[in-house]
Protein backbone atom coordinates (compact mmCIF):
# COMPACT_ATOMS: atom_id res chain seq x y z
CA MET A 1 24.69 209.53 257.26
CA SER A 2 24.12 205.90 256.36
CA GLY A 3 23.82 204.66 252.82
CA ARG A 4 24.76 206.45 249.62
CA GLY A 5 23.36 209.67 248.23
CA VAL A 6 21.51 208.86 244.99
CA LEU A 7 19.88 211.25 242.51
CA VAL A 8 17.37 209.73 240.06
CA THR A 9 15.97 212.02 237.39
CA GLY A 10 12.45 211.47 236.12
CA ALA A 11 11.66 209.43 239.23
CA SER A 12 7.99 210.24 239.75
CA ARG A 13 6.81 207.24 237.74
CA GLY A 14 7.81 204.32 235.53
CA ILE A 15 11.41 203.15 235.37
CA GLY A 16 12.66 206.09 237.43
CA ARG A 17 10.22 205.39 240.23
CA ALA A 18 11.18 201.70 240.31
CA VAL A 19 14.89 202.61 240.35
CA ALA A 20 14.36 205.06 243.23
CA GLN A 21 12.51 202.38 245.19
CA GLY A 22 15.30 199.89 244.48
CA PHE A 23 18.01 202.14 245.88
CA ALA A 24 15.88 203.04 248.91
CA ALA A 25 15.24 199.35 249.60
CA ILE A 26 18.97 198.68 250.01
CA GLY A 27 19.41 201.56 252.44
CA ASP A 28 20.42 204.44 250.18
CA ARG A 29 19.08 207.98 250.47
CA VAL A 30 17.36 209.07 247.29
CA ALA A 31 16.65 212.43 245.69
CA ILE A 32 13.60 212.03 243.47
CA HIS A 33 13.67 214.47 240.58
CA HIS A 34 10.45 215.58 238.93
CA ARG A 35 9.65 218.33 236.43
CA GLY A 36 6.21 219.22 237.78
CA THR A 37 4.62 219.16 241.21
CA THR A 38 6.61 217.44 243.96
CA ALA A 39 3.80 216.97 246.47
CA GLY A 40 3.86 213.55 248.13
CA LEU A 41 6.35 211.89 245.79
CA SER A 42 8.77 210.56 248.42
CA VAL A 43 6.39 209.09 250.98
CA GLU A 44 6.29 205.60 249.48
CA LEU A 45 10.05 205.00 249.59
CA PRO A 46 11.32 202.73 252.37
CA GLY A 47 13.91 204.09 254.76
CA GLU A 48 14.72 207.67 255.68
CA GLY A 49 16.60 210.70 254.39
CA HIS A 50 14.89 210.93 250.99
CA THR A 51 14.07 214.21 249.30
CA VAL A 52 12.21 215.54 246.28
CA VAL A 53 13.76 218.04 243.86
CA ARG A 54 12.25 219.80 240.87
CA ALA A 55 13.72 221.09 237.62
CA ASP A 56 13.04 221.44 233.92
CA LEU A 57 16.10 219.62 232.58
CA ALA A 58 16.02 221.78 229.45
CA ASP A 59 16.89 224.77 231.64
CA PRO A 60 20.61 224.74 232.59
CA ASP A 61 20.11 227.05 235.57
CA GLU A 62 17.34 224.88 236.99
CA VAL A 63 19.51 221.80 236.53
CA ARG A 64 22.38 223.30 238.48
CA ARG A 65 20.11 224.45 241.30
CA MET A 66 18.41 221.05 241.46
CA VAL A 67 21.64 219.03 241.56
CA ASP A 68 23.16 221.34 244.17
CA GLU A 69 20.03 221.04 246.30
CA ALA A 70 20.06 217.25 246.06
CA ALA A 71 23.74 217.09 246.98
CA GLU A 72 23.31 219.43 249.95
CA THR A 73 20.32 217.53 251.31
CA LEU A 74 21.91 214.10 250.84
CA GLY A 75 25.35 215.12 252.06
CA GLY A 76 26.97 214.63 248.66
CA LEU A 77 26.26 212.44 245.66
CA ASP A 78 27.50 208.90 245.15
CA VAL A 79 25.20 207.79 242.32
CA VAL A 80 23.37 209.66 239.58
CA VAL A 81 20.82 207.95 237.32
CA ASN A 82 20.00 209.97 234.20
CA ASN A 83 16.58 208.49 233.56
CA ALA A 84 14.38 211.47 232.62
CA GLY A 85 13.36 211.67 228.99
CA VAL A 86 10.69 212.85 226.60
CA PHE A 87 9.27 211.13 223.52
CA VAL A 88 7.75 213.41 220.89
CA ARG A 89 6.15 211.88 217.81
CA HIS A 90 7.24 213.79 214.68
CA PRO A 91 7.46 211.69 211.48
CA ILE A 92 9.33 213.76 208.92
CA THR A 93 6.60 213.55 206.26
CA GLU A 94 3.73 214.35 208.65
CA VAL A 95 4.80 217.46 210.57
CA SER A 96 5.43 221.07 209.64
CA TYR A 97 8.92 222.52 209.62
CA GLU A 98 8.11 224.42 212.81
CA GLU A 99 6.85 221.24 214.54
CA TRP A 100 9.96 219.39 213.36
CA GLN A 101 12.29 221.98 214.88
CA ALA A 102 10.31 222.13 218.13
CA ALA A 103 10.47 218.36 218.55
CA TRP A 104 14.23 218.34 218.10
CA ARG A 105 14.75 221.23 220.52
CA GLU A 106 12.60 219.67 223.23
CA THR A 107 13.91 216.13 222.87
CA LEU A 108 17.61 216.94 222.68
CA GLY A 109 17.24 219.60 225.36
CA VAL A 110 15.98 217.08 227.92
CA ASN A 111 17.29 213.68 226.81
CA LEU A 112 20.83 214.64 225.86
CA VAL A 113 21.86 218.16 226.84
CA GLY A 114 19.86 217.94 230.07
CA ALA A 115 21.55 214.66 231.00
CA ALA A 116 24.96 216.12 230.14
CA ASN A 117 24.29 219.12 232.37
CA VAL A 118 23.14 216.89 235.23
CA ALA A 119 26.40 214.94 234.91
CA TRP A 120 28.54 218.11 234.87
CA CYS A 121 26.86 219.47 237.99
CA ALA A 122 26.86 216.11 239.79
CA VAL A 123 30.56 215.42 239.24
CA ARG A 124 31.35 218.49 241.36
CA HIS A 125 29.75 216.68 244.32
CA MET A 126 30.88 213.10 243.66
CA ARG A 127 33.44 211.18 245.63
CA THR A 128 35.79 208.45 244.54
CA GLY A 129 33.71 205.38 243.82
CA GLY A 130 30.93 207.46 242.29
CA ARG A 131 28.64 206.09 239.59
CA ILE A 132 26.73 207.68 236.73
CA ILE A 133 24.14 205.43 235.06
CA ASN A 134 22.39 206.63 231.90
CA VAL A 135 19.09 205.17 230.74
CA SER A 136 19.15 204.95 226.95
CA SER A 137 16.98 202.88 224.59
CA ARG A 138 17.19 200.19 221.93
CA GLY A 139 15.93 202.98 219.67
CA ALA A 140 19.48 204.33 219.66
CA PHE A 141 20.46 201.29 217.58
CA ARG A 142 17.41 200.27 215.58
CA GLY A 143 16.12 203.80 214.91
CA GLU A 144 12.84 205.52 215.77
CA PRO A 145 11.08 206.47 212.52
CA ASP A 146 8.14 208.12 214.30
CA ALA A 147 10.43 210.01 216.69
CA PRO A 148 13.86 210.44 215.09
CA ALA A 149 14.96 213.00 217.66
CA TYR A 150 14.37 210.43 220.39
CA GLY A 151 16.55 207.81 218.68
CA ALA A 152 19.26 210.39 217.99
CA SER A 153 19.17 211.69 221.57
CA LYS A 154 19.64 208.19 222.95
CA ALA A 155 22.48 207.45 220.54
CA GLY A 156 24.09 210.67 221.73
CA LEU A 157 23.53 209.61 225.34
CA ASN A 158 25.40 206.36 224.66
CA ALA A 159 28.34 208.30 223.24
CA LEU A 160 28.24 210.76 226.14
CA GLY A 161 28.43 207.91 228.63
CA GLN A 162 31.42 206.34 226.91
CA SER A 163 33.24 209.67 226.69
CA LEU A 164 32.64 210.35 230.38
CA ALA A 165 33.70 206.81 231.30
CA VAL A 166 37.18 207.53 229.93
CA ASP A 167 37.37 211.07 231.27
CA LEU A 168 36.18 210.28 234.79
CA ALA A 169 38.02 207.02 235.42
CA PRO A 170 41.10 208.83 236.82
CA HIS A 171 38.74 210.44 239.33
CA GLY A 172 37.41 207.06 240.47
CA ILE A 173 34.00 207.57 238.87
CA ALA A 174 32.51 204.87 236.64
CA VAL A 175 29.89 205.57 233.95
CA ALA A 176 27.64 202.98 232.30
CA THR A 177 24.43 202.85 230.31
CA VAL A 178 21.37 200.60 230.11
CA ALA A 179 19.36 200.43 226.87
CA PRO A 180 15.88 198.98 227.46
CA GLY A 181 13.31 198.03 224.89
CA PHE A 182 9.61 198.26 225.73
CA VAL A 183 8.95 198.36 229.48
CA ALA A 184 5.52 197.99 231.09
CA THR A 185 4.90 201.39 232.69
CA ASP A 186 2.03 203.85 232.85
CA MET A 187 3.78 205.74 230.04
CA THR A 188 3.62 202.74 227.66
CA ASN A 189 0.32 201.33 228.86
CA GLU A 190 -1.70 202.66 225.91
CA HIS A 191 0.73 201.11 223.42
CA LEU A 192 0.48 197.72 225.11
CA LYS A 193 -3.30 197.50 224.79
CA ALA A 194 -4.96 195.59 221.95
CA PRO A 195 -4.47 195.47 219.07
CA ARG A 196 -0.88 196.77 219.07
CA GLY A 197 0.09 195.14 222.36
CA ALA A 198 0.30 191.65 220.90
CA GLU A 199 2.62 192.85 218.13
CA ILE A 200 4.87 194.64 220.62
CA ARG A 201 5.12 191.57 222.88
CA ALA A 202 5.89 189.40 219.87
CA GLN A 203 9.02 191.47 219.16
CA SER A 204 10.72 189.45 221.90
CA PRO A 205 11.01 185.65 221.71
CA PHE A 206 9.89 185.69 225.35
CA GLN A 207 6.55 187.08 224.12
CA ARG A 208 6.46 189.86 226.68
CA VAL A 209 7.92 193.24 227.55
CA ALA A 210 10.20 194.12 230.44
CA ARG A 211 9.11 194.86 233.98
CA PRO A 212 10.51 198.04 235.58
CA GLU A 213 12.08 195.87 238.30
CA GLU A 214 14.23 194.16 235.67
CA ILE A 215 15.70 197.48 234.59
CA THR A 216 16.18 198.41 238.24
CA ALA A 217 18.19 195.24 238.91
CA ALA A 218 20.64 196.16 236.14
CA VAL A 219 20.96 199.74 237.36
CA LEU A 220 21.62 198.58 240.92
CA TYR A 221 24.38 196.28 239.71
CA LEU A 222 26.03 198.98 237.58
CA ALA A 223 25.92 201.31 240.59
CA SER A 224 27.56 198.74 242.87
CA PRO A 225 31.24 198.73 243.92
CA GLU A 226 31.70 195.48 241.99
CA ALA A 227 30.70 197.08 238.67
CA GLU A 228 33.61 199.48 238.19
CA TRP A 229 34.94 197.31 235.35
CA ALA A 230 31.65 197.75 233.48
CA SER A 231 32.43 201.45 233.03
CA GLY A 232 31.84 202.42 229.41
CA ALA A 233 29.43 199.54 228.79
CA VAL A 234 26.02 199.87 227.13
CA LEU A 235 23.85 197.02 228.40
CA ASP A 236 20.99 195.90 226.14
CA LEU A 237 17.83 195.07 228.11
CA ASN A 238 15.35 194.20 225.40
CA GLY A 239 14.63 190.47 225.73
CA ALA A 240 16.40 189.71 222.42
CA SER A 241 13.86 191.87 220.58
CA TYR A 242 16.71 193.65 218.83
CA LEU A 243 20.19 192.20 218.42
CA ARG A 244 23.07 194.47 217.43
CA THR A 245 26.57 193.54 216.36
């Protein structure tokens, strides 16, 4: 088979969709993960050999089946992009105790534990030169007061990536993370409308938000053979809207 075998979670729309298209455009074979219906999701990708896989990432058994299916169809896995995530609004003073617990269970179950389980399953299929790229968020650093579980899950994802970078280096597998700020996708479209849109764009001195293709470019680099030495890195992609030390 030509090209690499690439699994992208949460690839039916937004950043994940753009990342899947980016890998397909350079000749890789892509497994598009989606939690819901899979009908027609792969037809727009250039090239051949793509597949669509389904799983609720909060379910460990579904994760294992999904990763195994992707690896079997693609003839192994060379790159995994942990992009799937959920954002649940639950300000601590505005929700019930039951809603608070549910938000933490759902968010950590998908964003952190789900990503960890995808990595565990994928490593069993990865060859030397493999890459794991995690999609985090600037919220891991600046906090998410309306969705604290989201910020905590992304901070945990950063730490997971750095731990795996050390553990997997002897196996020839590099692990890196991108941490975007606001990105113009269908998921964020409502937030970017007036009147809040102007305030969000003003967070960056460039007076705009990121395009999905800009996140894709960073992911493609980190997945390249030349990026092994970036293993363990967390790359901020927020247009200087939040600067950490």
